[in-house]
Amino acid sequence: MVSRMTVPEAPARDLRSGLVDGLRAARAAEREIFDAIDPDDRDRSGVDGGWSAKDVQAHLGSWRRRMVDRMAANREGREEPSLAATETDEINAMFHAQRAHWPWDQVVADADATTADLIAEVEAAPPAVLEDPQVVGSIMGNGPEHTLAHLAPLADRVGARTRVIDLAIRIESIIDGGAWPGRAAAYARYNLACFHALNGRLDRARELLRQALPEQEELRSFAPEDDDLIALRDELPSLAAG
């Protein structure tokens, strides 16, 4: 998956509402999935790369907190806080070590707090901030898209895969109904297509790619190398034609 981008002339008010709605929808899906897991099973490893359910929820909260800290620093005119690690795997390991000893109640409280704080930062952000393609991409990447990526294996454990699909559909409806600028919508649809392709929903992935690929040359160049789209690789030229 790739981070989507916006353009400077983006209507920040519409985009802002969509980002907030997406964050709320993602957290609601998290609550339902994690609440369905037996309390005695939350620490069992072997899910999502060996992490337990508690580890996954803590991981989602840790990246939202990172985004909150970055946006708060920007809003207050400070330098963004740096991390000791630079590679994603190293950062994940660092965040995991910081939270591995947390009890479940603390992990849940952090998940709620990081969502609320990120929503507050989005709502407080000046329009110019939401016109920054890196900011918008990071909000989605550390919010709804991150949740989608990690919830599917857990949802399968509790027979709730449809709840994760519902979240993907909800995000798509937010994009379709929120007058998102073209570039932002294309990247968001592309990432949703990757989610559906990875989960065997190839028809839905095809429809999203037919919308996204014709809009952005960057996506057409990247898609053939994207492992998320291996199942559709031979079809990409025709999908790019719209």
Foldseek 3Di string as FASTA:
>chain_A
DDFFFAALVWPLVLLLVLLLVLQVLLLVLLCVLVVLDPPVQQQQFDADVGGGVLLLLLLLLVLLVLLLQQLVCVVVVHHRDDDPDDDPVVVSVVSSVVPVPPDSVVSNVSSVVSSVSSSVSSVPDDSSQVNGGVSSRSSCVSGNLSSLVRRQRSCVVSVRNVSSVVSLVVSLVSLVPRPGDQRRSLSSLQSSLLSCLQVVNNVSSLVSLLSRLLRDPVCLVCVLVDPSCPVCNVVSVVSNVD
